[in-house]
C-alpha atoms as a PDB file:
ATOM      1  CA  MET A   1      14.829 143.281 257.670  1.00  0.00           C
ATOM      2  CA  THR A   2      15.291 145.062 260.989  1.00  0.00           C
ATOM      3  CA  ASP A   3      15.839 148.805 261.080  1.00  0.00           C
ATOM      4  CA  CYS A   4      18.898 149.776 263.163  1.00  0.00           C
ATOM      5  CA  PHE A   5      19.929 153.413 263.475  1.00  0.00           C
ATOM      6  CA  GLU A   6      22.327 155.728 265.288  1.00  0.00           C
ATOM      7  CA  PRO A   7      20.175 158.618 266.529  1.00  0.00           C
ATOM      8  CA  GLN A   8      21.307 162.168 267.015  1.00  0.00           C
ATOM      9  CA  ILE A   9      20.921 163.249 270.643  1.00  0.00           C
ATOM     10  CA  PHE A  10      19.554 166.636 271.697  1.00  0.00           C
ATOM     11  CA  ILE A  11      19.412 167.837 275.310  1.00  0.00           C
ATOM     12  CA  ARG A  12      16.684 170.031 276.810  1.00  0.00           C
ATOM     13  CA  HIS A  13      16.393 170.624 280.557  1.00  0.00           C
ATOM     14  CA  HIS A  14      18.831 167.745 281.237  1.00  0.00           C
ATOM     15  CA  ARG A  15      16.629 165.328 279.271  1.00  0.00           C
ATOM     16  CA  GLN A  16      17.653 163.673 276.053  1.00  0.00           C
ATOM     17  CA  LEU A  17      15.760 163.551 272.805  1.00  0.00           C
ATOM     18  CA  ARG A  18      16.884 160.946 270.299  1.00  0.00           C
ATOM     19  CA  ALA A  19      15.988 161.885 266.751  1.00  0.00           C
ATOM     20  CA  LEU A  20      17.030 160.900 263.256  1.00  0.00           C
ATOM     21  CA  GLN A  21      16.391 161.734 259.639  1.00  0.00           C
ATOM     22  CA  LEU A  22      15.046 158.857 257.527  1.00  0.00           C
ATOM     23  CA  GLU A  23      14.026 159.260 253.893  1.00  0.00           C
ATOM     24  CA  ASN A  24      13.931 163.058 254.257  1.00  0.00           C
ATOM     25  CA  GLN A  25      11.638 162.848 257.276  1.00  0.00           C
ATOM     26  CA  ALA A  26      12.404 163.516 260.945  1.00  0.00           C
ATOM     27  CA  TRP A  27      11.648 160.717 263.438  1.00  0.00           C
ATOM     28  CA  PHE A  28      11.631 161.008 267.237  1.00  0.00           C
ATOM     29  CA  CYS A  29      11.907 158.450 270.038  1.00  0.00           C
ATOM     30  CA  LEU A  30       8.525 158.235 271.809  1.00  0.00           C
ATOM     31  CA  PRO A  31       9.813 157.725 275.404  1.00  0.00           C
ATOM     32  CA  ASP A  32      11.998 160.837 275.047  1.00  0.00           C
ATOM     33  CA  ILE A  33       9.070 162.907 273.754  1.00  0.00           C
ATOM     34  CA  ALA A  34       6.923 161.626 276.642  1.00  0.00           C
ATOM     35  CA  ARG A  35       9.538 162.743 279.187  1.00  0.00           C
ATOM     36  CA  LEU A  36       9.853 166.174 277.559  1.00  0.00           C
ATOM     37  CA  MET A  37       6.046 166.596 277.464  1.00  0.00           C
ATOM     38  CA  GLY A  38       5.617 165.330 281.027  1.00  0.00           C
ATOM     39  CA  LYS A  39       3.048 162.771 279.861  1.00  0.00           C
ATOM     40  CA  PRO A  40       3.010 158.972 280.239  1.00  0.00           C
ATOM     41  CA  LEU A  41       2.949 158.152 276.518  1.00  0.00           C
ATOM     42  CA  ASP A  42       3.272 154.529 275.487  1.00  0.00           C
ATOM     43  CA  GLU A  43       2.559 152.448 272.392  1.00  0.00           C
ATOM     44  CA  ARG A  44      -1.171 152.758 273.010  1.00  0.00           C
ATOM     45  CA  ALA A  45      -0.896 156.552 272.715  1.00  0.00           C
ATOM     46  CA  THR A  46       0.374 156.126 269.144  1.00  0.00           C
ATOM     47  CA  TYR A  47      -2.719 154.208 268.011  1.00  0.00           C
ATOM     48  CA  LYS A  48      -4.475 157.504 267.300  1.00  0.00           C
ATOM     49  CA  LEU A  49      -1.715 158.298 264.786  1.00  0.00           C
ATOM     50  CA  ASP A  50      -1.821 157.067 261.212  1.00  0.00           C
ATOM     51  CA  PRO A  51       0.363 154.024 260.433  1.00  0.00           C
ATOM     52  CA  ASP A  52       2.792 156.176 258.429  1.00  0.00           C
ATOM     53  CA  GLN A  53       3.365 158.374 261.505  1.00  0.00           C
ATOM     54  CA  ARG A  54       4.793 155.608 263.692  1.00  0.00           C
ATOM     55  CA  ARG A  55       7.330 152.832 263.324  1.00  0.00           C
ATOM     56  CA  THR A  56       9.529 150.578 265.429  1.00  0.00           C
ATOM     57  CA  ALA A  57      13.297 150.571 265.140  1.00  0.00           C
ATOM     58  CA  TRP A  58      16.439 149.575 267.001  1.00  0.00           C
ATOM     59  CA  LEU A  59      18.428 152.558 268.294  1.00  0.00           C
ATOM     60  CA  ASN A  60      21.976 152.565 269.601  1.00  0.00           C
ATOM     61  CA  SER A  61      21.948 154.328 272.971  1.00  0.00           C
ATOM     62  CA  ASN A  62      25.092 154.335 275.103  1.00  0.00           C
ATOM     63  CA  GLY A  63      26.512 151.399 273.181  1.00  0.00           C
ATOM     64  CA  GLN A  64      23.407 149.231 273.592  1.00  0.00           C
ATOM     65  CA  TRP A  65      20.813 148.464 270.937  1.00  0.00           C
ATOM     66  CA  THR A  66      17.263 148.825 272.207  1.00  0.00           C
ATOM     67  CA  LYS A  67      13.948 148.652 270.386  1.00  0.00           C
ATOM     68  CA  HIS A  68      11.918 151.881 270.434  1.00  0.00           C
ATOM     69  CA  ILE A  69       8.762 153.329 268.967  1.00  0.00           C
ATOM     70  CA  LEU A  70       9.502 156.275 266.705  1.00  0.00           C
ATOM     71  CA  ILE A  71       7.017 158.929 265.674  1.00  0.00           C
ATOM     72  CA  SER A  72       7.358 161.129 262.615  1.00  0.00           C
ATOM     73  CA  GLU A  73       7.463 164.910 262.605  1.00  0.00           C
ATOM     74  CA  SER A  74       3.761 165.120 261.754  1.00  0.00           C
ATOM     75  CA  GLY A  75       3.004 162.523 264.446  1.00  0.00           C
ATOM     76  CA  LEU A  76       4.950 164.547 266.990  1.00  0.00           C
ATOM     77  CA  PHE A  77       2.980 167.710 266.277  1.00  0.00           C
ATOM     78  CA  ALA A  78      -0.269 165.714 266.363  1.00  0.00           C
ATOM     79  CA  MET A  79       0.715 164.451 269.835  1.00  0.00           C
ATOM     80  CA  LEU A  80       1.513 168.002 270.973  1.00  0.00           C
ATOM     81  CA  VAL A  81      -1.927 169.161 269.824  1.00  0.00           C
ATOM     82  CA  HIS A  82      -3.782 166.149 271.258  1.00  0.00           C
ATOM     83  CA  HIS A  83      -2.006 166.323 274.636  1.00  0.00           C
ATOM     84  CA  TYR A  84      -2.106 170.111 274.837  1.00  0.00           C
ATOM     85  CA  VAL A  85      -0.396 171.775 277.781  1.00  0.00           C
ATOM     86  CA  PRO A  86       0.486 175.493 277.587  1.00  0.00           C
ATOM     87  CA  GLU A  87       4.054 174.769 278.723  1.00  0.00           C
ATOM     88  CA  ASN A  88       4.596 172.688 275.586  1.00  0.00           C
ATOM     89  CA  ARG A  89       4.703 175.870 273.490  1.00  0.00           C
ATOM     90  CA  ALA A  90       8.342 176.248 274.466  1.00  0.00           C
ATOM     91  CA  LEU A  91       8.949 172.593 273.547  1.00  0.00           C
ATOM     92  CA  ARG A  92       7.341 173.108 270.127  1.00  0.00           C
ATOM     93  CA  GLN A  93       9.453 176.225 269.540  1.00  0.00           C
ATOM     94  CA  TRP A  94      12.632 174.364 270.506  1.00  0.00           C
ATOM     95  CA  LEU A  95      11.742 171.494 268.181  1.00  0.00           C
ATOM     96  CA  THR A  96      10.830 173.833 265.320  1.00  0.00           C
ATOM     97  CA  HIS A  97      13.727 176.269 265.607  1.00  0.00           C
ATOM     98  CA  GLU A  98      16.598 174.091 266.819  1.00  0.00           C
ATOM     99  CA  VAL A  99      16.036 170.353 266.503  1.00  0.00           C
ATOM    100  CA  LEU A 100      14.436 170.120 263.047  1.00  0.00           C
ATOM    101  CA  PRO A 101      16.865 172.530 261.308  1.00  0.00           C
ATOM    102  CA  THR A 102      19.810 170.658 262.838  1.00  0.00           C
ATOM    103  CA  LEU A 103      18.438 167.314 261.662  1.00  0.00           C
ATOM    104  CA  ARG A 104      17.864 168.646 258.156  1.00  0.00           C
ATOM    105  CA  ASP A 105      21.311 170.244 257.964  1.00  0.00           C
ATOM    106  CA  LYS A 106      22.974 166.973 258.922  1.00  0.00           C
ATOM    107  CA  ALA A 107      20.945 164.815 256.546  1.00  0.00           C
ATOM    108  CA  GLU A 108      22.970 162.326 254.567  1.00  0.00           C
ATOM    109  CA  PRO A 109      24.167 163.943 251.346  1.00  0.00           C
ATOM    110  CA  CYS A 110      24.206 160.567 249.608  1.00  0.00           C
ATOM    111  CA  SER A 111      20.544 159.817 250.255  1.00  0.00           C
ATOM    112  CA  PRO A 112      18.454 159.627 247.084  1.00  0.00           C
ATOM    113  CA  SER A 113      15.964 162.364 246.303  1.00  0.00           C
ATOM    114  CA  ILE A 114      12.828 162.013 244.218  1.00  0.00           C
ATOM    115  CA  ASN A 115      11.893 164.753 241.762  1.00  0.00           C
ATOM    116  CA  ALA A 116       9.710 165.241 238.725  1.00  0.00           C
ATOM    117  CA  MET A 117      10.674 166.744 235.405  1.00  0.00           C
ATOM    118  CA  LYS A 118       8.596 168.078 232.546  1.00  0.00           C
ATOM    119  CA  TRP A 119       9.808 166.749 229.218  1.00  0.00           C
ATOM    120  CA  ALA A 120       8.046 167.084 225.893  1.00  0.00           C
ATOM    121  CA  GLY A 121       4.760 168.002 227.536  1.00  0.00           C
ATOM    122  CA  CYS A 122       4.648 165.184 230.087  1.00  0.00           C
ATOM    123  CA  SER A 123       5.807 164.820 233.671  1.00  0.00           C
ATOM    124  CA  VAL A 124       8.384 162.110 234.320  1.00  0.00           C
ATOM    125  CA  GLY A 125       9.539 160.792 237.711  1.00  0.00           C
ATOM    126  CA  LEU A 126      13.227 161.229 238.417  1.00  0.00           C
ATOM    127  CA  LEU A 127      15.541 159.831 241.083  1.00  0.00           C
ATOM    128  CA  GLN A 128      18.750 161.708 241.852  1.00  0.00           C
ATOM    129  CA  TRP A 129      21.318 159.554 243.615  1.00  0.00           C
ATOM    130  CA  GLN A 130      25.114 159.701 243.889  1.00  0.00           C
ATOM    131  CA  SER A 131      25.374 162.533 241.324  1.00  0.00           C
ATOM    132  CA  ASP A 132      23.376 160.596 238.723  1.00  0.00           C
ATOM    133  CA  TYR A 133      19.815 160.891 237.483  1.00  0.00           C
ATOM    134  CA  TRP A 134      17.666 157.779 237.140  1.00  0.00           C
ATOM    135  CA  VAL A 135      14.440 157.262 235.218  1.00  0.00           C
ATOM    136  CA  ARG A 136      12.085 154.325 235.542  1.00  0.00           C
ATOM    137  CA  LEU A 137      12.321 151.990 232.594  1.00  0.00           C
ATOM    138  CA  ARG A 138       8.589 152.263 232.016  1.00  0.00           C
ATOM    139  CA  ASP A 139       8.943 156.075 231.625  1.00  0.00           C
ATOM    140  CA  LEU A 140      11.492 155.858 228.793  1.00  0.00           C
ATOM    141  CA  PRO A 141       8.884 155.411 226.023  1.00  0.00           C
ATOM    142  CA  GLU A 142       7.262 158.669 227.151  1.00  0.00           C
ATOM    143  CA  LEU A 143      10.590 160.415 226.667  1.00  0.00           C
ATOM    144  CA  MET A 144      11.082 159.029 223.189  1.00  0.00           C
ATOM    145  CA  VAL A 145       7.583 159.687 221.849  1.00  0.00           C
ATOM    146  CA  GLU A 146       7.767 161.783 218.716  1.00  0.00           C
ATOM    147  CA  ARG A 147       6.231 165.195 219.329  1.00  0.00           C
ATOM    148  CA  SER A 148       5.729 167.869 216.696  1.00  0.00           C
ATOM    149  CA  GLN A 149       7.916 170.342 218.587  1.00  0.00           C
ATOM    150  CA  ASN A 150      10.514 167.737 219.523  1.00  0.00           C
ATOM    151  CA  ARG A 151      10.951 165.419 216.512  1.00  0.00           C
ATOM    152  CA  ARG A 152      14.711 165.196 216.932  1.00  0.00           C
ATOM    153  CA  VAL A 153      14.274 163.320 220.218  1.00  0.00           C
ATOM    154  CA  ALA A 154      12.659 160.305 218.537  1.00  0.00           C
ATOM    155  CA  ARG A 155      15.367 160.080 215.849  1.00  0.00           C
ATOM    156  CA  ASP A 156      18.398 160.397 218.129  1.00  0.00           C
ATOM    157  CA  GLY A 157      17.636 157.488 220.428  1.00  0.00           C
ATOM    158  CA  TRP A 158      17.460 157.085 224.152  1.00  0.00           C
ATOM    159  CA  LYS A 159      21.097 157.903 224.957  1.00  0.00           C
ATOM    160  CA  SER A 160      20.985 161.396 223.502  1.00  0.00           C
ATOM    161  CA  VAL A 161      17.645 161.953 225.204  1.00  0.00           C
ATOM    162  CA  LEU A 162      19.188 161.197 228.570  1.00  0.00           C
ATOM    163  CA  ILE A 163      22.225 163.385 227.835  1.00  0.00           C
ATOM    164  CA  ARG A 164      20.048 166.362 226.877  1.00  0.00           C
ATOM    165  CA  TRP A 165      17.760 165.666 229.795  1.00  0.00           C
ATOM    166  CA  ARG A 166      20.651 165.700 232.255  1.00  0.00           C
ATOM    167  CA  GLN A 167      22.025 168.911 230.729  1.00  0.00           C
ATOM    168  CA  LYS A 168      18.611 170.492 231.082  1.00  0.00           C
ATOM    169  CA  LEU A 169      18.422 169.430 234.736  1.00  0.00           C
ATOM    170  CA  ILE A 170      21.789 170.781 235.764  1.00  0.00           C
ATOM    171  CA  GLY A 171      21.348 173.940 233.721  1.00  0.00           C
ATOM    172  CA  ARG A 172      24.107 173.556 231.157  1.00  0.00           C
END
């Protein structure tokens, strides 16, 4: 499967920065970062980053799809530290105070979020997506285990467990 995205465009000193929010993480187009830093960064420059800090994706720019290297937020700051130039302080401040908050504010509201919940003395993984809460099937037995302080849970069955669990999550 090929990743294709519509980036959000930011302008600084008449230069564009294409950025997007994927899975609650900010990603930046490497050629744009290189232009803003004034450094000739290419794919080889990303080899010092960890594999989870770089990826390749197709971006729609001016109506054309082109393949680009993207670096994550942590990868971007690693590049700023590795290729240190005093003038990049202003770039870091712009990224930190304008670009990243804007990306996070415009994140997709329908994207799933992963949480954890304590229930009957154990921690259970939880996925919240489209106003519903999801539990892994393998975690259900942990929810239904009879505990001395929570005996009613085991008798009522899984449906009532999930109803009470959801009420507990949303604070009702």
